[in-house]
């Protein structure tokens, strides 16, 4: 599953990052995936 381009909202970078990660975790949950195991991004 690719979640590239997910953005977050908030007043600063910390809030935006937390919101983006929350959105990614929610999307993975809806797809039936468990909690994410974070890894380095893959650039192609």
N, C-alpha and C. Protein backbone atom coordinates (compact mmCIF):
# COMPACT_ATOMS: atom_id res chain seq x y z
N UNK A 1 0.85 -1.16 0.00
CA UNK A 1 0.00 0.00 0.00
C UNK A 1 0.89 1.22 0.00
N UNK A 2 0.60 2.16 -0.85
CA UNK A 2 1.37 3.41 -0.91
C UNK A 2 0.57 4.53 -0.27
N UNK A 3 1.23 5.31 0.55
CA UNK A 3 0.57 6.44 1.19
C UNK A 3 1.34 7.73 0.89
N UNK A 4 2.07 7.73 -0.20
CA UNK A 4 2.86 8.91 -0.58
C UNK A 4 1.95 10.11 -0.79
N UNK A 5 2.42 11.26 -0.37
CA UNK A 5 1.68 12.49 -0.57
C UNK A 5 0.67 12.81 0.52
N UNK A 6 0.61 11.97 1.55
CA UNK A 6 -0.31 12.24 2.65
C UNK A 6 0.14 13.50 3.38
N UNK A 7 -0.78 14.42 3.57
CA UNK A 7 -0.46 15.67 4.25
C UNK A 7 -1.22 15.75 5.57
N UNK A 8 -0.76 16.63 6.42
CA UNK A 8 -1.43 16.86 7.69
C UNK A 8 -1.73 18.33 7.85
N UNK A 9 -2.64 18.63 8.75
CA UNK A 9 -2.96 20.02 9.01
C UNK A 9 -2.54 20.36 10.44
N UNK A 10 -2.33 21.61 10.67
CA UNK A 10 -1.93 22.07 11.99
C UNK A 10 -1.17 23.37 11.88
N UNK A 11 -0.91 23.96 13.02
CA UNK A 11 -0.29 25.28 13.05
C UNK A 11 1.23 25.25 12.93
N UNK A 12 1.84 24.08 13.13
CA UNK A 12 3.30 23.99 13.01
C UNK A 12 3.68 22.61 12.48
N UNK A 13 4.96 22.41 12.22
CA UNK A 13 5.42 21.17 11.60
C UNK A 13 5.16 19.95 12.49
N UNK A 14 5.23 20.12 13.79
CA UNK A 14 4.98 19.00 14.70
C UNK A 14 3.52 18.56 14.59
N UNK A 15 2.60 19.50 14.63
CA UNK A 15 1.18 19.18 14.52
C UNK A 15 0.86 18.58 13.16
N UNK A 16 1.47 19.12 12.11
CA UNK A 16 1.23 18.62 10.77
C UNK A 16 1.74 17.19 10.62
N UNK A 17 2.92 16.90 11.18
CA UNK A 17 3.49 15.55 11.11
C UNK A 17 2.63 14.57 11.87
N UNK A 18 2.22 14.93 13.07
CA UNK A 18 1.36 14.04 13.86
C UNK A 18 0.05 13.74 13.13
N UNK A 19 -0.53 14.77 12.52
CA UNK A 19 -1.79 14.58 11.81
C UNK A 19 -1.59 13.70 10.59
N UNK A 20 -0.51 13.91 9.85
CA UNK A 20 -0.24 13.07 8.67
C UNK A 20 -0.05 11.61 9.08
N UNK A 21 0.70 11.37 10.15
CA UNK A 21 0.91 10.00 10.61
C UNK A 21 -0.39 9.37 11.11
N UNK A 22 -1.23 10.17 11.75
CA UNK A 22 -2.54 9.67 12.20
C UNK A 22 -3.38 9.26 10.99
N UNK A 23 -3.35 10.07 9.94
CA UNK A 23 -4.11 9.76 8.73
C UNK A 23 -3.60 8.48 8.06
N UNK A 24 -2.28 8.33 8.02
CA UNK A 24 -1.69 7.12 7.42
C UNK A 24 -2.11 5.89 8.22
N UNK A 25 -2.02 5.97 9.54
CA UNK A 25 -2.40 4.83 10.37
C UNK A 25 -3.88 4.49 10.18
N UNK A 26 -4.73 5.50 10.06
CA UNK A 26 -6.16 5.26 9.83
C UNK A 26 -6.39 4.59 8.49
N UNK A 27 -5.68 5.03 7.45
CA UNK A 27 -5.82 4.43 6.12
C UNK A 27 -5.37 2.98 6.13
N UNK A 28 -4.28 2.71 6.81
CA UNK A 28 -3.80 1.33 6.90
C UNK A 28 -4.80 0.46 7.65
N UNK A 29 -5.39 1.00 8.71
CA UNK A 29 -6.39 0.26 9.46
C UNK A 29 -7.61 -0.06 8.63
N UNK A 30 -8.05 0.88 7.81
CA UNK A 30 -9.21 0.65 6.95
C UNK A 30 -8.90 -0.41 5.89
N UNK A 31 -7.63 -0.53 5.52
CA UNK A 31 -7.22 -1.52 4.53
C UNK A 31 -6.97 -2.88 5.16
N UNK A 32 -7.13 -2.97 6.48
CA UNK A 32 -6.94 -4.23 7.17
C UNK A 32 -5.51 -4.49 7.61
N UNK A 33 -4.65 -3.49 7.48
CA UNK A 33 -3.27 -3.64 7.92
C UNK A 33 -3.17 -3.32 9.40
N UNK A 34 -2.16 -3.87 10.04
CA UNK A 34 -1.94 -3.58 11.44
C UNK A 34 -1.24 -2.24 11.61
N UNK A 35 -0.79 -1.99 12.82
CA UNK A 35 -0.05 -0.75 13.07
C UNK A 35 1.19 -0.73 12.20
N UNK A 36 1.50 0.42 11.64
CA UNK A 36 2.63 0.49 10.72
C UNK A 36 3.97 0.28 11.41
N UNK A 37 4.88 -0.33 10.69
CA UNK A 37 6.27 -0.40 11.10
C UNK A 37 7.00 0.57 10.19
N UNK A 38 7.48 1.64 10.77
CA UNK A 38 8.05 2.72 9.96
C UNK A 38 9.40 2.31 9.42
N UNK A 39 9.66 2.70 8.20
CA UNK A 39 10.95 2.44 7.56
C UNK A 39 11.34 3.64 6.72
N UNK A 40 12.55 3.61 6.22
CA UNK A 40 13.03 4.70 5.38
C UNK A 40 12.25 4.71 4.08
N UNK A 41 12.01 5.89 3.54
CA UNK A 41 11.29 5.97 2.26
C UNK A 41 12.10 5.36 1.13
N UNK A 42 11.41 4.81 0.17
CA UNK A 42 12.06 4.25 -1.02
C UNK A 42 11.88 5.22 -2.16
N UNK A 43 12.95 5.69 -2.71
CA UNK A 43 12.89 6.62 -3.84
C UNK A 43 13.11 5.85 -5.13
N UNK A 44 12.24 6.05 -6.09
CA UNK A 44 12.39 5.36 -7.37
C UNK A 44 12.51 6.35 -8.50
